[in-house]
Amino acid sequence: MRIEAIKKTIKPVLSFMKRWIVFLATRISKKRYAEICSALIVLLFVYAAGSKLADFDYFKWQMHAQKFSAQVAELVIYTLPSIEIAISLMLIVQPMRKLGFLASTLLMFVFTLYMGLVHFGYYKDTPCACGGILQDMGFGVHFYFNFIFLIIACIGSLLTNHLRKGGLTGQNTA
């Protein structure tokens, strides 16, 4: 039953994303498109890390209220903001961009999976530890938000890989 609910709720998001991708892909170069994907993820991660660090005590409380052990919470508390900032730097520095997209895809997959587990009822009464306005989203909206950024990270990763392998100059090619 839950799998069907997940499929039903994700289908319209995928449809919208497909139309959006096709629209943009026909109007801008692959290089520019990868740069836009990079900028969006950098903005998200820098904002999220900054929000966590700005209210660090509240972030610590939220992490200890999660469904994992205190040791895992402590590890996440002291590494997650640094990881978000490191990935942002990788996305900014051109030679590191491919690795940055791969890392952001992995991190967004973990975030999306966790948000999905909360949204679809596998975890109950779990506070959001994302920081800033992100924590004010409901779990449903946050799941879709993360899912969209997961797709953005995947697209950026694919485009960056394609540009590096093909030696494209960023022109729109099929």
C-alpha atoms as a PDB file:
ATOM      1  CA  MET A   1       0.000   0.000   0.000  1.00  0.00           C
ATOM      2  CA  ARG A   2       2.757   2.488   0.915  1.00  0.00           C
ATOM      3  CA  ILE A   3       4.673   1.763  -2.298  1.00  0.00           C
ATOM      4  CA  GLU A   4       1.568   2.616  -4.340  1.00  0.00           C
ATOM      5  CA  ALA A   5       1.148   5.847  -2.368  1.00  0.00           C
ATOM      6  CA  ILE A   6       4.768   6.762  -3.051  1.00  0.00           C
ATOM      7  CA  LYS A   7       4.394   6.044  -6.773  1.00  0.00           C
ATOM      8  CA  LYS A   8       1.161   8.044  -6.926  1.00  0.00           C
ATOM      9  CA  THR A   9       2.678  11.082  -5.241  1.00  0.00           C
ATOM     10  CA  ILE A  10       5.964  11.054  -7.147  1.00  0.00           C
ATOM     11  CA  LYS A  11       4.458  10.665 -10.628  1.00  0.00           C
ATOM     12  CA  PRO A  12       3.223  14.291 -10.985  1.00  0.00           C
ATOM     13  CA  VAL A  13       6.561  15.605  -9.697  1.00  0.00           C
ATOM     14  CA  LEU A  14       8.450  13.532 -12.272  1.00  0.00           C
ATOM     15  CA  SER A  15       6.123  14.709 -15.018  1.00  0.00           C
ATOM     16  CA  PHE A  16       6.690  18.351 -14.063  1.00  0.00           C
ATOM     17  CA  MET A  17      10.456  17.836 -13.842  1.00  0.00           C
ATOM     18  CA  LYS A  18      10.526  16.187 -17.274  1.00  0.00           C
ATOM     19  CA  ARG A  19       8.704  19.133 -18.868  1.00  0.00           C
ATOM     20  CA  TRP A  20      10.991  21.582 -17.055  1.00  0.00           C
ATOM     21  CA  ILE A  21      14.134  19.736 -18.168  1.00  0.00           C
ATOM     22  CA  VAL A  22      13.001  19.569 -21.788  1.00  0.00           C
ATOM     23  CA  PHE A  23      12.070  23.260 -21.737  1.00  0.00           C
ATOM     24  CA  LEU A  24      15.456  24.338 -20.374  1.00  0.00           C
ATOM     25  CA  ALA A  25      17.491  21.847 -22.377  1.00  0.00           C
ATOM     26  CA  THR A  26      16.219  23.290 -25.632  1.00  0.00           C
ATOM     27  CA  ARG A  27      17.046  26.859 -24.648  1.00  0.00           C
ATOM     28  CA  ILE A  28      20.423  26.831 -22.904  1.00  0.00           C
ATOM     29  CA  SER A  29      23.750  25.057 -23.363  1.00  0.00           C
ATOM     30  CA  LYS A  30      24.648  21.943 -21.407  1.00  0.00           C
ATOM     31  CA  LYS A  31      27.509  23.792 -19.740  1.00  0.00           C
ATOM     32  CA  ARG A  32      25.228  26.618 -18.597  1.00  0.00           C
ATOM     33  CA  TYR A  33      22.639  24.095 -17.448  1.00  0.00           C
ATOM     34  CA  ALA A  34      25.286  22.300 -15.328  1.00  0.00           C
ATOM     35  CA  GLU A  35      26.328  25.669 -13.872  1.00  0.00           C
ATOM     36  CA  ILE A  36      22.712  26.449 -12.923  1.00  0.00           C
ATOM     37  CA  CYS A  37      22.382  23.038 -11.247  1.00  0.00           C
ATOM     38  CA  SER A  38      25.632  23.689  -9.386  1.00  0.00           C
ATOM     39  CA  ALA A  39      24.543  27.142  -8.233  1.00  0.00           C
ATOM     40  CA  LEU A  40      21.187  25.871  -6.959  1.00  0.00           C
ATOM     41  CA  ILE A  41      22.810  23.130  -4.899  1.00  0.00           C
ATOM     42  CA  VAL A  42      25.492  25.483  -3.571  1.00  0.00           C
ATOM     43  CA  LEU A  43      22.799  27.924  -2.440  1.00  0.00           C
ATOM     44  CA  LEU A  44      20.859  25.134  -0.732  1.00  0.00           C
ATOM     45  CA  PHE A  45      23.860  23.611   1.071  1.00  0.00           C
ATOM     46  CA  VAL A  46      25.423  26.915   2.142  1.00  0.00           C
ATOM     47  CA  TYR A  47      22.043  28.102   3.457  1.00  0.00           C
ATOM     48  CA  ALA A  48      21.389  24.806   5.268  1.00  0.00           C
ATOM     49  CA  ALA A  49      24.886  24.662   6.803  1.00  0.00           C
ATOM     50  CA  GLY A  50      24.731  28.326   7.798  1.00  0.00           C
ATOM     51  CA  SER A  51      21.343  27.867   9.444  1.00  0.00           C
ATOM     52  CA  LYS A  52      22.602  24.874  11.413  1.00  0.00           C
ATOM     53  CA  LEU A  53      25.711  26.711  12.572  1.00  0.00           C
ATOM     54  CA  ALA A  54      23.825  29.928  13.365  1.00  0.00           C
ATOM     55  CA  ASP A  55      21.586  28.096  15.857  1.00  0.00           C
ATOM     56  CA  PHE A  56      23.947  25.277  16.759  1.00  0.00           C
ATOM     57  CA  ASP A  57      22.368  24.409  20.130  1.00  0.00           C
ATOM     58  CA  TYR A  58      18.953  23.980  18.544  1.00  0.00           C
ATOM     59  CA  PHE A  59      20.479  21.887  15.751  1.00  0.00           C
ATOM     60  CA  LYS A  60      22.139  19.654  18.382  1.00  0.00           C
ATOM     61  CA  TRP A  61      18.822  19.208  20.187  1.00  0.00           C
ATOM     62  CA  GLN A  62      17.071  18.325  16.921  1.00  0.00           C
ATOM     63  CA  MET A  63      19.711  15.756  16.005  1.00  0.00           C
ATOM     64  CA  HIS A  64      19.471  14.080  19.401  1.00  0.00           C
ATOM     65  CA  ALA A  65      15.693  13.867  18.923  1.00  0.00           C
ATOM     66  CA  GLN A  66      16.147  11.832  15.719  1.00  0.00           C
ATOM     67  CA  LYS A  67      15.549   8.076  15.532  1.00  0.00           C
ATOM     68  CA  PHE A  68      19.215   7.118  15.530  1.00  0.00           C
ATOM     69  CA  SER A  69      21.689   6.568  18.384  1.00  0.00           C
ATOM     70  CA  ALA A  70      23.376   9.353  20.352  1.00  0.00           C
ATOM     71  CA  GLN A  71      26.736   8.399  18.801  1.00  0.00           C
ATOM     72  CA  VAL A  72      25.363   8.760  15.271  1.00  0.00           C
ATOM     73  CA  ALA A  73      23.717  12.054  16.268  1.00  0.00           C
ATOM     74  CA  GLU A  74      27.035  13.392  17.572  1.00  0.00           C
ATOM     75  CA  LEU A  75      28.814  12.324  14.401  1.00  0.00           C
ATOM     76  CA  VAL A  76      26.195  14.038  12.221  1.00  0.00           C
ATOM     77  CA  ILE A  77      26.185  17.183  14.376  1.00  0.00           C
ATOM     78  CA  TYR A  78      29.882  17.771  13.858  1.00  0.00           C
ATOM     79  CA  THR A  79      30.243  16.571  10.276  1.00  0.00           C
ATOM     80  CA  LEU A  80      27.079  17.470   8.345  1.00  0.00           C
ATOM     81  CA  PRO A  81      27.570  21.270   8.141  1.00  0.00           C
ATOM     82  CA  SER A  82      31.212  20.710   7.127  1.00  0.00           C
ATOM     83  CA  ILE A  83      30.194  18.179   4.487  1.00  0.00           C
ATOM     84  CA  GLU A  84      27.596  20.583   3.057  1.00  0.00           C
ATOM     85  CA  ILE A  85      30.187  23.361   2.862  1.00  0.00           C
ATOM     86  CA  ALA A  86      32.836  21.036   1.372  1.00  0.00           C
ATOM     87  CA  ILE A  87      30.416  19.847  -1.319  1.00  0.00           C
ATOM     88  CA  SER A  88      29.550  23.467  -2.089  1.00  0.00           C
ATOM     89  CA  LEU A  89      33.229  24.292  -2.546  1.00  0.00           C
ATOM     90  CA  MET A  90      33.670  21.270  -4.831  1.00  0.00           C
ATOM     91  CA  LEU A  91      30.751  22.478  -6.950  1.00  0.00           C
ATOM     92  CA  ILE A  92      32.267  25.939  -7.231  1.00  0.00           C
ATOM     93  CA  VAL A  93      35.780  24.789  -8.221  1.00  0.00           C
ATOM     94  CA  GLN A  94      35.560  23.554 -11.818  1.00  0.00           C
ATOM     95  CA  PRO A  95      38.037  20.624 -11.609  1.00  0.00           C
ATOM     96  CA  MET A  96      36.181  19.300  -8.531  1.00  0.00           C
ATOM     97  CA  ARG A  97      32.658  19.802  -9.893  1.00  0.00           C
ATOM     98  CA  LYS A  98      32.155  16.190 -11.008  1.00  0.00           C
ATOM     99  CA  LEU A  99      33.016  14.902  -7.528  1.00  0.00           C
ATOM    100  CA  GLY A 100      30.843  17.638  -6.006  1.00  0.00           C
ATOM    101  CA  PHE A 101      27.841  16.544  -8.058  1.00  0.00           C
ATOM    102  CA  LEU A 102      28.381  12.912  -7.117  1.00  0.00           C
ATOM    103  CA  ALA A 103      28.654  13.822  -3.426  1.00  0.00           C
ATOM    104  CA  SER A 104      25.596  16.088  -3.587  1.00  0.00           C
ATOM    105  CA  THR A 105      23.616  13.341  -5.323  1.00  0.00           C
ATOM    106  CA  LEU A 106      24.524  10.892  -2.567  1.00  0.00           C
ATOM    107  CA  LEU A 107      23.728  13.367   0.204  1.00  0.00           C
ATOM    108  CA  MET A 108      20.417  14.402  -1.376  1.00  0.00           C
ATOM    109  CA  PHE A 109      19.526  10.708  -1.825  1.00  0.00           C
ATOM    110  CA  VAL A 110      20.086  10.102   1.904  1.00  0.00           C
ATOM    111  CA  PHE A 111      18.106  13.242   2.843  1.00  0.00           C
ATOM    112  CA  THR A 112      15.269  12.334   0.473  1.00  0.00           C
ATOM    113  CA  LEU A 113      15.137   8.746   1.688  1.00  0.00           C
ATOM    114  CA  TYR A 114      14.980   9.861   5.314  1.00  0.00           C
ATOM    115  CA  MET A 115      12.341  12.501   4.583  1.00  0.00           C
ATOM    116  CA  GLY A 116      10.346   9.895   2.643  1.00  0.00           C
ATOM    117  CA  LEU A 117      10.477   7.495   5.589  1.00  0.00           C
ATOM    118  CA  VAL A 118       9.154  10.234   7.860  1.00  0.00           C
ATOM    119  CA  HIS A 119       6.561  11.492   5.365  1.00  0.00           C
ATOM    120  CA  PHE A 120       5.173   8.046   4.588  1.00  0.00           C
ATOM    121  CA  GLY A 121       4.867   7.081   8.252  1.00  0.00           C
ATOM    122  CA  TYR A 122       7.844   4.820   8.970  1.00  0.00           C
ATOM    123  CA  TYR A 123       9.116   7.280  11.595  1.00  0.00           C
ATOM    124  CA  LYS A 124       6.769   9.256  13.790  1.00  0.00           C
ATOM    125  CA  ASP A 125       7.288  12.491  15.746  1.00  0.00           C
ATOM    126  CA  THR A 126      10.636  13.331  14.184  1.00  0.00           C
ATOM    127  CA  PRO A 127      11.766  16.972  14.193  1.00  0.00           C
ATOM    128  CA  CYS A 128      13.389  18.387  11.086  1.00  0.00           C
ATOM    129  CA  ALA A 129      17.023  19.337  11.661  1.00  0.00           C
ATOM    130  CA  CYS A 130      17.563  21.128   8.357  1.00  0.00           C
ATOM    131  CA  GLY A 131      17.677  24.648   9.727  1.00  0.00           C
ATOM    132  CA  GLY A 132      16.170  27.959   8.652  1.00  0.00           C
ATOM    133  CA  ILE A 133      13.000  28.015   6.585  1.00  0.00           C
ATOM    134  CA  LEU A 134      13.634  24.427   5.473  1.00  0.00           C
ATOM    135  CA  GLN A 135      12.614  23.116   8.892  1.00  0.00           C
ATOM    136  CA  ASP A 136       9.311  24.978   8.655  1.00  0.00           C
ATOM    137  CA  MET A 137       8.191  22.940   5.641  1.00  0.00           C
ATOM    138  CA  GLY A 138       5.882  20.055   6.328  1.00  0.00           C
ATOM    139  CA  PHE A 139       7.409  16.626   5.763  1.00  0.00           C
ATOM    140  CA  GLY A 140       5.438  16.170   2.532  1.00  0.00           C
ATOM    141  CA  VAL A 141       6.640  19.440   1.024  1.00  0.00           C
ATOM    142  CA  HIS A 142      10.136  18.779   2.306  1.00  0.00           C
ATOM    143  CA  PHE A 143      10.165  15.309   0.720  1.00  0.00           C
ATOM    144  CA  TYR A 144       9.276  16.777  -2.684  1.00  0.00           C
ATOM    145  CA  PHE A 145      11.719  19.657  -2.204  1.00  0.00           C
ATOM    146  CA  ASN A 146      14.519  17.167  -1.517  1.00  0.00           C
ATOM    147  CA  PHE A 147      13.388  14.977  -4.403  1.00  0.00           C
ATOM    148  CA  ILE A 148      13.607  17.927  -6.803  1.00  0.00           C
ATOM    149  CA  PHE A 149      17.111  18.765  -5.565  1.00  0.00           C
ATOM    150  CA  LEU A 150      18.078  15.103  -5.902  1.00  0.00           C
ATOM    151  CA  ILE A 151      17.029  15.270  -9.559  1.00  0.00           C
ATOM    152  CA  ILE A 152      18.931  18.549  -9.999  1.00  0.00           C
ATOM    153  CA  ALA A 153      22.049  16.906  -8.546  1.00  0.00           C
ATOM    154  CA  CYS A 154      21.638  13.879 -10.837  1.00  0.00           C
ATOM    155  CA  ILE A 155      21.192  16.091 -13.902  1.00  0.00           C
ATOM    156  CA  GLY A 156      24.246  18.152 -12.969  1.00  0.00           C
ATOM    157  CA  SER A 157      26.264  14.998 -12.465  1.00  0.00           C
ATOM    158  CA  LEU A 158      25.197  13.547 -15.812  1.00  0.00           C
ATOM    159  CA  LEU A 159      25.843  16.796 -17.674  1.00  0.00           C
ATOM    160  CA  THR A 160      29.233  17.318 -16.071  1.00  0.00           C
ATOM    161  CA  ASN A 161      30.230  13.759 -16.883  1.00  0.00           C
ATOM    162  CA  HIS A 162      28.987  14.176 -20.468  1.00  0.00           C
ATOM    163  CA  LEU A 163      30.824  17.480 -20.916  1.00  0.00           C
ATOM    164  CA  ARG A 164      34.094  16.031 -19.586  1.00  0.00           C
ATOM    165  CA  LYS A 165      33.926  12.782 -21.577  1.00  0.00           C
ATOM    166  CA  GLY A 166      32.791  14.329 -24.827  1.00  0.00           C
ATOM    167  CA  GLY A 167      34.979  17.376 -24.607  1.00  0.00           C
ATOM    168  CA  LEU A 168      31.944  19.475 -25.479  1.00  0.00           C
ATOM    169  CA  THR A 169      32.332  23.204 -25.502  1.00  0.00           C
ATOM    170  CA  GLY A 170      28.947  23.633 -23.929  1.00  0.00           C
ATOM    171  CA  GLN A 171      26.985  23.838 -27.159  1.00  0.00           C
ATOM    172  CA  ASN A 172      23.531  22.388 -27.297  1.00  0.00           C
ATOM    173  CA  THR A 173      23.932  18.973 -28.827  1.00  0.00           C
ATOM    174  CA  ALA A 174      21.499  16.117 -28.900  1.00  0.00           C
END
